[in-house]
Amino acid sequence: IAGVLILVVFATLLSLGFWQIQRLHWKESLIAQITQA
């Protein structure tokens, strides 16, 4: 149980980091789109 909880917390933290990377690319694309328009 302890091992599963450790992996779940680690995977959750990693997924949040990768989600923010996706949000970063989305925001950069949005800013470029607004500026060009």
PDB file of all heavy atoms in Angstrom:
ATOM      1  N   ILE A   1       0.835  -1.203   0.000  1.00  0.00           N
ATOM      2  CA  ILE A   1       0.000   0.000   0.000  1.00  0.00           C
ATOM      3  C   ILE A   1       0.867   1.249   0.000  1.00  0.00           C
ATOM      4  O   ILE A   1       0.612   2.218  -0.739  1.00  0.00           O
ATOM      5  CB  ILE A   1      -0.958  -0.010   1.201  1.00  0.00           C
ATOM      6  CG1 ILE A   1      -1.946  -1.175   1.082  1.00  0.00           C
ATOM      7  CG2 ILE A   1      -1.695   1.317   1.306  1.00  0.00           C
ATOM      8  CD1 ILE A   1      -2.857  -1.332   2.291  1.00  0.00           C
ATOM      9  N   ALA A   2       1.910   1.222   0.824  1.00  0.00           N
ATOM     10  CA  ALA A   2       2.814   2.367   0.890  1.00  0.00           C
ATOM     11  C   ALA A   2       3.497   2.607  -0.454  1.00  0.00           C
ATOM     12  O   ALA A   2       3.646   3.742  -0.913  1.00  0.00           O
ATOM     13  CB  ALA A   2       3.847   2.161   1.987  1.00  0.00           C
ATOM     14  N   GLY A   3       3.906   1.523  -1.121  1.00  0.00           N
ATOM     15  CA  GLY A   3       4.548   1.665  -2.423  1.00  0.00           C
ATOM     16  C   GLY A   3       3.620   2.253  -3.465  1.00  0.00           C
ATOM     17  O   GLY A   3       4.017   3.098  -4.273  1.00  0.00           O
ATOM     18  N   VAL A   4       2.354   1.805  -3.432  1.00  0.00           N
ATOM     19  CA  VAL A   4       1.373   2.344  -4.388  1.00  0.00           C
ATOM     20  C   VAL A   4       1.146   3.831  -4.140  1.00  0.00           C
ATOM     21  O   VAL A   4       1.090   4.641  -5.080  1.00  0.00           O
ATOM     22  CB  VAL A   4       0.050   1.562  -4.269  1.00  0.00           C
ATOM     23  CG1 VAL A   4      -1.044   2.267  -5.076  1.00  0.00           C
ATOM     24  CG2 VAL A   4       0.226   0.130  -4.757  1.00  0.00           C
ATOM     25  N   LEU A   5       1.005   4.226  -2.874  1.00  0.00           N
ATOM     26  CA  LEU A   5       0.789   5.634  -2.550  1.00  0.00           C
ATOM     27  C   LEU A   5       1.977   6.494  -2.981  1.00  0.00           C
ATOM     28  O   LEU A   5       1.804   7.611  -3.488  1.00  0.00           O
ATOM     29  CB  LEU A   5       0.547   5.793  -1.047  1.00  0.00           C
ATOM     30  CG  LEU A   5      -0.781   5.240  -0.519  1.00  0.00           C
ATOM     31  CD1 LEU A   5      -0.857   5.371   0.987  1.00  0.00           C
ATOM     32  CD2 LEU A   5      -1.950   5.966  -1.180  1.00  0.00           C
ATOM     33  N   ILE A   6       3.183   5.971  -2.797  1.00  0.00           N
ATOM     34  CA  ILE A   6       4.378   6.710  -3.211  1.00  0.00           C
ATOM     35  C   ILE A   6       4.367   6.952  -4.714  1.00  0.00           C
ATOM     36  O   ILE A   6       4.634   8.051  -5.196  1.00  0.00           O
ATOM     37  CB  ILE A   6       5.650   5.938  -2.790  1.00  0.00           C
ATOM     38  CG1 ILE A   6       5.807   5.981  -1.265  1.00  0.00           C
ATOM     39  CG2 ILE A   6       6.892   6.531  -3.462  1.00  0.00           C
ATOM     40  CD1 ILE A   6       6.890   5.065  -0.734  1.00  0.00           C
ATOM     41  N   LEU A   7       4.041   5.890  -5.467  1.00  0.00           N
ATOM     42  CA  LEU A   7       4.004   6.021  -6.929  1.00  0.00           C
ATOM     43  C   LEU A   7       2.890   6.956  -7.388  1.00  0.00           C
ATOM     44  O   LEU A   7       3.066   7.721  -8.334  1.00  0.00           O
ATOM     45  CB  LEU A   7       3.826   4.639  -7.563  1.00  0.00           C
ATOM     46  CG  LEU A   7       5.019   3.680  -7.450  1.00  0.00           C
ATOM     47  CD1 LEU A   7       4.680   2.322  -8.054  1.00  0.00           C
ATOM     48  CD2 LEU A   7       6.246   4.270  -8.153  1.00  0.00           C
ATOM     49  N   VAL A   8       1.734   6.884  -6.708  1.00  0.00           N
ATOM     50  CA  VAL A   8       0.613   7.747  -7.089  1.00  0.00           C
ATOM     51  C   VAL A   8       0.971   9.218  -6.888  1.00  0.00           C
ATOM     52  O   VAL A   8       0.716  10.067  -7.760  1.00  0.00           O
ATOM     53  CB  VAL A   8      -0.645   7.384  -6.277  1.00  0.00           C
ATOM     54  CG1 VAL A   8      -1.717   8.461  -6.438  1.00  0.00           C
ATOM     55  CG2 VAL A   8      -1.187   6.037  -6.729  1.00  0.00           C
ATOM     56  N   VAL A   9       1.566   9.544  -5.739  1.00  0.00           N
ATOM     57  CA  VAL A   9       1.949  10.939  -5.473  1.00  0.00           C
ATOM     58  C   VAL A   9       2.987  11.405  -6.479  1.00  0.00           C
ATOM     59  O   VAL A   9       2.898  12.508  -7.037  1.00  0.00           O
ATOM     60  CB  VAL A   9       2.486  11.079  -4.034  1.00  0.00           C
ATOM     61  CG1 VAL A   9       3.055  12.489  -3.826  1.00  0.00           C
ATOM     62  CG2 VAL A   9       1.383  10.802  -3.028  1.00  0.00           C
ATOM     63  N   PHE A  10       3.971  10.561  -6.765  1.00  0.00           N
ATOM     64  CA  PHE A  10       5.025  10.922  -7.716  1.00  0.00           C
ATOM     65  C   PHE A  10       4.447  11.129  -9.119  1.00  0.00           C
ATOM     66  O   PHE A  10       4.768  12.118  -9.806  1.00  0.00           O
ATOM     67  CB  PHE A  10       6.096   9.831  -7.737  1.00  0.00           C
ATOM     68  CG  PHE A  10       7.224  10.114  -8.696  1.00  0.00           C
ATOM     69  CD1 PHE A  10       8.090  11.175  -8.482  1.00  0.00           C
ATOM     70  CD2 PHE A  10       7.402   9.326  -9.820  1.00  0.00           C
ATOM     71  CE1 PHE A  10       9.130  11.437  -9.362  1.00  0.00           C
ATOM     72  CE2 PHE A  10       8.435   9.584 -10.709  1.00  0.00           C
ATOM     73  CZ  PHE A  10       9.306  10.641 -10.480  1.00  0.00           C
ATOM     74  N   ALA A  11       3.580  10.219  -9.539  1.00  0.00           N
ATOM     75  CA  ALA A  11       2.974  10.333 -10.865  1.00  0.00           C
ATOM     76  C   ALA A  11       2.087  11.575 -10.963  1.00  0.00           C
ATOM     77  O   ALA A  11       2.052  12.251 -12.002  1.00  0.00           O
ATOM     78  CB  ALA A  11       2.160   9.081 -11.174  1.00  0.00           C
ATOM     79  N   THR A  12       1.381  11.890  -9.870  1.00  0.00           N
ATOM     80  CA  THR A  12       0.522  13.081  -9.868  1.00  0.00           C
ATOM     81  C   THR A  12       1.346  14.352 -10.011  1.00  0.00           C
ATOM     82  O   THR A  12       1.008  15.244 -10.804  1.00  0.00           O
ATOM     83  CB  THR A  12      -0.298  13.142  -8.575  1.00  0.00           C
ATOM     84  OG1 THR A  12      -1.113  11.961  -8.465  1.00  0.00           O
ATOM     85  CG2 THR A  12      -1.177  14.382  -8.556  1.00  0.00           C
ATOM     86  N   LEU A  13       2.443  14.440  -9.280  1.00  0.00           N
ATOM     87  CA  LEU A  13       3.297  15.627  -9.368  1.00  0.00           C
ATOM     88  C   LEU A  13       3.900  15.769 -10.770  1.00  0.00           C
ATOM     89  O   LEU A  13       3.955  16.871 -11.324  1.00  0.00           O
ATOM     90  CB  LEU A  13       4.413  15.545  -8.316  1.00  0.00           C
ATOM     91  CG  LEU A  13       3.949  15.615  -6.852  1.00  0.00           C
ATOM     92  CD1 LEU A  13       5.111  15.359  -5.912  1.00  0.00           C
ATOM     93  CD2 LEU A  13       3.327  16.979  -6.559  1.00  0.00           C
ATOM     94  N   LEU A  14       4.325  14.644 -11.343  1.00  0.00           N
ATOM     95  CA  LEU A  14       4.875  14.692 -12.694  1.00  0.00           C
ATOM     96  C   LEU A  14       3.818  15.118 -13.718  1.00  0.00           C
ATOM     97  O   LEU A  14       4.086  15.932 -14.610  1.00  0.00           O
ATOM     98  CB  LEU A  14       5.446  13.323 -13.085  1.00  0.00           C
ATOM     99  CG  LEU A  14       6.865  12.978 -12.627  1.00  0.00           C
ATOM    100  CD1 LEU A  14       7.271  11.625 -13.188  1.00  0.00           C
ATOM    101  CD2 LEU A  14       7.863  14.053 -13.067  1.00  0.00           C
ATOM    102  N   SER A  15       2.621  14.541 -13.590  1.00  0.00           N
ATOM    103  CA  SER A  15       1.562  14.873 -14.553  1.00  0.00           C
ATOM    104  C   SER A  15       1.194  16.345 -14.479  1.00  0.00           C
ATOM    105  O   SER A  15       0.918  16.983 -15.510  1.00  0.00           O
ATOM    106  CB  SER A  15       0.333  13.995 -14.305  1.00  0.00           C
ATOM    107  OG  SER A  15      -0.221  14.254 -13.025  1.00  0.00           O
ATOM    108  N   LEU A  16       1.191  16.915 -13.278  1.00  0.00           N
ATOM    109  CA  LEU A  16       0.907  18.344 -13.139  1.00  0.00           C
ATOM    110  C   LEU A  16       1.989  19.187 -13.809  1.00  0.00           C
ATOM    111  O   LEU A  16       1.714  20.221 -14.419  1.00  0.00           O
ATOM    112  CB  LEU A  16       0.789  18.710 -11.657  1.00  0.00           C
ATOM    113  CG  LEU A  16      -0.475  18.207 -10.951  1.00  0.00           C
ATOM    114  CD1 LEU A  16      -0.392  18.451  -9.458  1.00  0.00           C
ATOM    115  CD2 LEU A  16      -1.719  18.878 -11.519  1.00  0.00           C
ATOM    116  N   GLY A  17       3.243  18.725 -13.700  1.00  0.00           N
ATOM    117  CA  GLY A  17       4.325  19.438 -14.371  1.00  0.00           C
ATOM    118  C   GLY A  17       4.190  19.400 -15.880  1.00  0.00           C
ATOM    119  O   GLY A  17       4.318  20.431 -16.559  1.00  0.00           O
ATOM    120  N   PHE A  18       3.898  18.231 -16.439  1.00  0.00           N
ATOM    121  CA  PHE A  18       3.731  18.108 -17.897  1.00  0.00           C
ATOM    122  C   PHE A  18       2.482  18.871 -18.368  1.00  0.00           C
ATOM    123  O   PHE A  18       2.462  19.415 -19.478  1.00  0.00           O
ATOM    124  CB  PHE A  18       3.647  16.638 -18.299  1.00  0.00           C
ATOM    125  CG  PHE A  18       4.969  15.927 -18.256  1.00  0.00           C
ATOM    126  CD1 PHE A  18       5.182  14.870 -17.392  1.00  0.00           C
ATOM    127  CD2 PHE A  18       6.014  16.324 -19.084  1.00  0.00           C
ATOM    128  CE1 PHE A  18       6.403  14.211 -17.351  1.00  0.00           C
ATOM    129  CE2 PHE A  18       7.240  15.681 -19.052  1.00  0.00           C
ATOM    130  CZ  PHE A  18       7.437  14.620 -18.179  1.00  0.00           C
ATOM    131  N   TRP A  19       1.443  18.899 -17.524  1.00  0.00           N
ATOM    132  CA  TRP A  19       0.236  19.661 -17.880  1.00  0.00           C
ATOM    133  C   TRP A  19       0.558  21.145 -17.995  1.00  0.00           C
ATOM    134  O   TRP A  19       0.083  21.821 -18.909  1.00  0.00           O
ATOM    135  CB  TRP A  19      -0.846  19.431 -16.828  1.00  0.00           C
ATOM    136  CG  TRP A  19      -2.079  20.233 -17.062  1.00  0.00           C
ATOM    137  CD1 TRP A  19      -2.953  20.145 -18.110  1.00  0.00           C
ATOM    138  CD2 TRP A  19      -2.585  21.284 -16.219  1.00  0.00           C
ATOM    139  NE1 TRP A  19      -3.974  21.061 -17.968  1.00  0.00           N
ATOM    140  CE2 TRP A  19      -3.773  21.770 -16.825  1.00  0.00           C
ATOM    141  CE3 TRP A  19      -2.164  21.834 -15.006  1.00  0.00           C
ATOM    142  CZ2 TRP A  19      -4.522  22.796 -16.252  1.00  0.00           C
ATOM    143  CZ3 TRP A  19      -2.914  22.850 -14.445  1.00  0.00           C
ATOM    144  CH2 TRP A  19      -4.077  23.313 -15.073  1.00  0.00           C
ATOM    145  N   GLN A  20       1.396  21.647 -17.099  1.00  0.00           N
ATOM    146  CA  GLN A  20       1.787  23.052 -17.172  1.00  0.00           C
ATOM    147  C   GLN A  20       2.645  23.328 -18.411  1.00  0.00           C
ATOM    148  O   GLN A  20       2.563  24.421 -18.991  1.00  0.00           O
ATOM    149  CB  GLN A  20       2.542  23.458 -15.905  1.00  0.00           C
ATOM    150  CG  GLN A  20       1.674  23.581 -14.668  1.00  0.00           C
ATOM    151  CD  GLN A  20       0.624  24.661 -14.795  1.00  0.00           C
ATOM    152  OE1 GLN A  20       0.776  25.608 -15.553  1.00  0.00           O
ATOM    153  NE2 GLN A  20      -0.473  24.521 -14.059  1.00  0.00           N
ATOM    154  N   ILE A  21       3.437  22.354 -18.839  1.00  0.00           N
ATOM    155  CA  ILE A  21       4.195  22.517 -20.084  1.00  0.00           C
ATOM    156  C   ILE A  21       3.240  22.642 -21.271  1.00  0.00           C
ATOM    157  O   ILE A  21       3.434  23.475 -22.169  1.00  0.00           O
ATOM    158  CB  ILE A  21       5.153  21.330 -20.288  1.00  0.00           C
ATOM    159  CG1 ILE A  21       6.264  21.348 -19.222  1.00  0.00           C
ATOM    160  CG2 ILE A  21       5.770  21.368 -21.683  1.00  0.00           C
ATOM    161  CD1 ILE A  21       7.177  22.540 -19.305  1.00  0.00           C
ATOM    162  N   GLN A  22       2.197  21.809 -21.274  1.00  0.00           N
ATOM    163  CA  GLN A  22       1.189  21.916 -22.337  1.00  0.00           C
ATOM    164  C   GLN A  22       0.500  23.269 -22.300  1.00  0.00           C
ATOM    165  O   GLN A  22       0.264  23.892 -23.346  1.00  0.00           O
ATOM    166  CB  GLN A  22       0.155  20.793 -22.178  1.00  0.00           C
ATOM    167  CG  GLN A  22       0.712  19.399 -22.425  1.00  0.00           C
ATOM    168  CD  GLN A  22      -0.327  18.320 -22.172  1.00  0.00           C
ATOM    169  OE1 GLN A  22      -1.422  18.596 -21.691  1.00  0.00           O
ATOM    170  NE2 GLN A  22       0.014  17.084 -22.497  1.00  0.00           N
ATOM    171  N   ARG A  23       0.171  23.737 -21.095  1.00  0.00           N
ATOM    172  CA  ARG A  23      -0.450  25.054 -20.955  1.00  0.00           C
ATOM    173  C   ARG A  23       0.487  26.161 -21.429  1.00  0.00           C
ATOM    174  O   ARG A  23       0.047  27.162 -21.994  1.00  0.00           O
ATOM    175  CB  ARG A  23      -0.834  25.296 -19.495  1.00  0.00           C
ATOM    176  CG  ARG A  23      -1.886  24.347 -18.953  1.00  0.00           C
ATOM    177  CD  ARG A  23      -3.263  24.719 -19.418  1.00  0.00           C
ATOM    178  NE  ARG A  23      -3.700  25.995 -18.879  1.00  0.00           N
ATOM    179  CZ  ARG A  23      -4.833  26.591 -19.209  1.00  0.00           C
ATOM    180  NH1 ARG A  23      -5.638  26.038 -20.104  1.00  0.00           N
ATOM    181  NH2 ARG A  23      -5.181  27.756 -18.685  1.00  0.00           N
ATOM    182  N   LEU A  24       1.776  25.988 -21.208  1.00  0.00           N
ATOM    183  CA  LEU A  24       2.765  26.958 -21.662  1.00  0.00           C
ATOM    184  C   LEU A  24       2.741  27.091 -23.177  1.00  0.00           C
ATOM    185  O   LEU A  24       2.694  28.203 -23.723  1.00  0.00           O
ATOM    186  CB  LEU A  24       4.165  26.543 -21.187  1.00  0.00           C
ATOM    187  CG  LEU A  24       5.342  27.346 -21.747  1.00  0.00           C
ATOM    188  CD1 LEU A  24       5.295  28.789 -21.255  1.00  0.00           C
ATOM    189  CD2 LEU A  24       6.666  26.690 -21.366  1.00  0.00           C
ATOM    190  N   HIS A  25       2.764  25.951 -23.872  1.00  0.00           N
ATOM    191  CA  HIS A  25       2.732  25.978 -25.342  1.00  0.00           C
ATOM    192  C   HIS A  25       1.414  26.572 -25.841  1.00  0.00           C
ATOM    193  O   HIS A  25       1.396  27.327 -26.821  1.00  0.00           O
ATOM    194  CB  HIS A  25       2.924  24.566 -25.895  1.00  0.00           C
ATOM    195  CG  HIS A  25       4.275  23.983 -25.591  1.00  0.00           C
ATOM    196  ND1 HIS A  25       5.420  24.739 -25.553  1.00  0.00           N
ATOM    197  CD2 HIS A  25       4.661  22.702 -25.311  1.00  0.00           C
ATOM    198  CE1 HIS A  25       6.460  23.971 -25.272  1.00  0.00           C
ATOM    199  NE2 HIS A  25       6.021  22.734 -25.112  1.00  0.00           N
ATOM    200  N   TRP A  26       0.304  26.218 -25.167  1.00  0.00           N
ATOM    201  CA  TRP A  26      -0.999  26.762 -25.567  1.00  0.00           C
ATOM    202  C   TRP A  26      -1.023  28.275 -25.391  1.00  0.00           C
ATOM    203  O   TRP A  26      -1.487  29.007 -26.273  1.00  0.00           O
ATOM    204  CB  TRP A  26      -2.099  26.124 -24.723  1.00  0.00           C
ATOM    205  CG  TRP A  26      -3.411  26.835 -24.841  1.00  0.00           C
ATOM    206  CD1 TRP A  26      -4.329  26.749 -25.849  1.00  0.00           C
ATOM    207  CD2 TRP A  26      -3.954  27.789 -23.904  1.00  0.00           C
ATOM    208  NE1 TRP A  26      -5.402  27.577 -25.603  1.00  0.00           N
ATOM    209  CE2 TRP A  26      -5.203  28.226 -24.425  1.00  0.00           C
ATOM    210  CE3 TRP A  26      -3.506  28.297 -22.671  1.00  0.00           C
ATOM    211  CZ2 TRP A  26      -5.987  29.145 -23.751  1.00  0.00           C
ATOM    212  CZ3 TRP A  26      -4.293  29.223 -22.011  1.00  0.00           C
ATOM    213  CH2 TRP A  26      -5.518  29.631 -22.550  1.00  0.00           C
ATOM    214  N   LYS A  27      -0.510  28.792 -24.266  1.00  0.00           N
ATOM    215  CA  LYS A  27      -0.533  30.224 -24.011  1.00  0.00           C
ATOM    216  C   LYS A  27       0.373  30.962 -24.992  1.00  0.00           C
ATOM    217  O   LYS A  27       0.003  32.055 -25.474  1.00  0.00           O
ATOM    218  CB  LYS A  27      -0.077  30.484 -22.565  1.00  0.00           C
ATOM    219  CG  LYS A  27      -0.157  31.949 -22.136  1.00  0.00           C
ATOM    220  CD  LYS A  27      -1.562  32.470 -22.129  1.00  0.00           C
ATOM    221  CE  LYS A  27      -2.384  31.914 -21.001  1.00  0.00           C
ATOM    222  NZ  LYS A  27      -1.961  32.244 -19.653  1.00  0.00           N
ATOM    223  N   GLU A  28       1.543  30.392 -25.303  1.00  0.00           N
ATOM    224  CA  GLU A  28       2.425  31.030 -26.282  1.00  0.00           C
ATOM    225  C   GLU A  28       1.764  31.110 -27.651  1.00  0.00           C
ATOM    226  O   GLU A  28       1.871  32.125 -28.349  1.00  0.00           O
ATOM    227  CB  GLU A  28       3.747  30.255 -26.366  1.00  0.00           C
ATOM    228  CG  GLU A  28       4.619  30.387 -25.136  1.00  0.00           C
ATOM    229  CD  GLU A  28       5.869  29.534 -25.204  1.00  0.00           C
ATOM    230  OE1 GLU A  28       5.903  28.596 -26.042  1.00  0.00           O
ATOM    231  OE2 GLU A  28       6.811  29.781 -24.431  1.00  0.00           O
ATOM    232  N   SER A  29       1.078  30.035 -28.036  1.00  0.00           N
ATOM    233  CA  SER A  29       0.381  30.032 -29.323  1.00  0.00           C
ATOM    234  C   SER A  29      -0.754  31.046 -29.320  1.00  0.00           C
ATOM    235  O   SER A  29      -0.987  31.749 -30.316  1.00  0.00           O
ATOM    236  CB  SER A  29      -0.162  28.632 -29.614  1.00  0.00           C
ATOM    237  OG  SER A  29      -0.937  28.618 -30.786  1.00  0.00           O
ATOM    238  N   LEU A  30      -1.477  31.158 -28.197  1.00  0.00           N
ATOM    239  CA  LEU A  30      -2.584  32.102 -28.085  1.00  0.00           C
ATOM    240  C   LEU A  30      -2.082  33.535 -28.190  1.00  0.00           C
ATOM    241  O   LEU A  30      -2.678  34.367 -28.892  1.00  0.00           O
ATOM    242  CB  LEU A  30      -3.318  31.886 -26.767  1.00  0.00           C
ATOM    243  CG  LEU A  30      -4.518  32.808 -26.493  1.00  0.00           C
ATOM    244  CD1 LEU A  30      -5.602  32.590 -27.525  1.00  0.00           C
ATOM    245  CD2 LEU A  30      -5.053  32.569 -25.083  1.00  0.00           C
ATOM    246  N   ILE A  31      -0.994  33.843 -27.509  1.00  0.00           N
ATOM    247  CA  ILE A  31      -0.433  35.191 -27.549  1.00  0.00           C
ATOM    248  C   ILE A  31      -0.007  35.548 -28.971  1.00  0.00           C
ATOM    249  O   ILE A  31      -0.270  36.663 -29.451  1.00  0.00           O
ATOM    250  CB  ILE A  31       0.759  35.296 -26.577  1.00  0.00           C
ATOM    251  CG1 ILE A  31       0.275  35.198 -25.133  1.00  0.00           C
ATOM    252  CG2 ILE A  31       1.523  36.602 -26.790  1.00  0.00           C
ATOM    253  CD1 ILE A  31       1.389  35.124 -24.109  1.00  0.00           C
ATOM    254  N   ALA A  32       0.644  34.599 -29.652  1.00  0.00           N
ATOM    255  CA  ALA A  32       1.075  34.846 -31.034  1.00  0.00           C
ATOM    256  C   ALA A  32      -0.136  35.050 -31.947  1.00  0.00           C
ATOM    257  O   ALA A  32      -0.114  35.921 -32.836  1.00  0.00           O
ATOM    258  CB  ALA A  32       1.919  33.675 -31.527  1.00  0.00           C
ATOM    259  N   GLN A  33      -1.194  34.285 -31.718  1.00  0.00           N
ATOM    260  CA  GLN A  33      -2.401  34.396 -32.544  1.00  0.00           C
ATOM    261  C   GLN A  33      -3.075  35.750 -32.352  1.00  0.00           C
ATOM    262  O   GLN A  33      -3.483  36.401 -33.325  1.00  0.00           O
ATOM    263  CB  GLN A  33      -3.373  33.273 -32.198  1.00  0.00           C
ATOM    264  CG  GLN A  33      -4.580  33.184 -33.111  1.00  0.00           C
ATOM    265  CD  GLN A  33      -5.503  32.038 -32.728  1.00  0.00           C
ATOM    266  OE1 GLN A  33      -5.597  31.659 -31.566  1.00  0.00           O
ATOM    267  NE2 GLN A  33      -6.182  31.476 -33.703  1.00  0.00           N
ATOM    268  N   ILE A  34      -3.195  36.199 -31.100  1.00  0.00           N
ATOM    269  CA  ILE A  34      -3.823  37.489 -30.822  1.00  0.00           C
ATOM    270  C   ILE A  34      -2.998  38.622 -31.420  1.00  0.00           C
ATOM    271  O   ILE A  34      -3.531  39.547 -32.044  1.00  0.00           O
ATOM    272  CB  ILE A  34      -3.991  37.688 -29.303  1.00  0.00           C
ATOM    273  CG1 ILE A  34      -4.982  36.660 -28.737  1.00  0.00           C
ATOM    274  CG2 ILE A  34      -4.470  39.101 -28.993  1.00  0.00           C
ATOM    275  CD1 ILE A  34      -5.111  36.704 -27.234  1.00  0.00           C
ATOM    276  N   THR A  35      -1.680  38.558 -31.239  1.00  0.00           N
ATOM    277  CA  THR A  35      -0.805  39.608 -31.758  1.00  0.00           C
ATOM    278  C   THR A  35      -0.901  39.706 -33.270  1.00  0.00           C
ATOM    279  O   THR A  35      -1.006  40.806 -33.834  1.00  0.00           O
ATOM    280  CB  THR A  35       0.651  39.335 -31.342  1.00  0.00           C
ATOM    281  OG1 THR A  35       0.731  39.258 -29.908  1.00  0.00           O
ATOM    282  CG2 THR A  35       1.565  40.434 -31.832  1.00  0.00           C
ATOM    283  N   GLN A  36      -0.872  38.569 -33.941  1.00  0.00           N
ATOM    284  CA  GLN A  36      -0.951  38.570 -35.401  1.00  0.00           C
ATOM    285  C   GLN A  36      -2.303  39.096 -35.871  1.00  0.00           C
ATOM    286  O   GLN A  36      -2.380  39.898 -36.816  1.00  0.00           O
ATOM    287  CB  GLN A  36      -0.732  37.161 -35.932  1.00  0.00           C
ATOM    288  CG  GLN A  36      -0.779  37.075 -37.462  1.00  0.00           C
ATOM    289  CD  GLN A  36      -0.586  35.653 -37.963  1.00  0.00           C
ATOM    290  OE1 GLN A  36      -0.530  34.706 -37.177  1.00  0.00           O
ATOM    291  NE2 GLN A  36      -0.474  35.489 -39.264  1.00  0.00           N
ATOM    292  N   ALA A  37      -3.392  38.663 -35.212  1.00  0.00           N
ATOM    293  CA  ALA A  37      -4.730  39.085 -35.637  1.00  0.00           C
ATOM    294  C   ALA A  37      -4.935  40.583 -35.452  1.00  0.00           C
ATOM    295  O   ALA A  37      -5.606  41.233 -36.265  1.00  0.00           O
ATOM    296  CB  ALA A  37      -5.789  38.309 -34.857  1.00  0.00           C
TER     297      ALA A  37
END
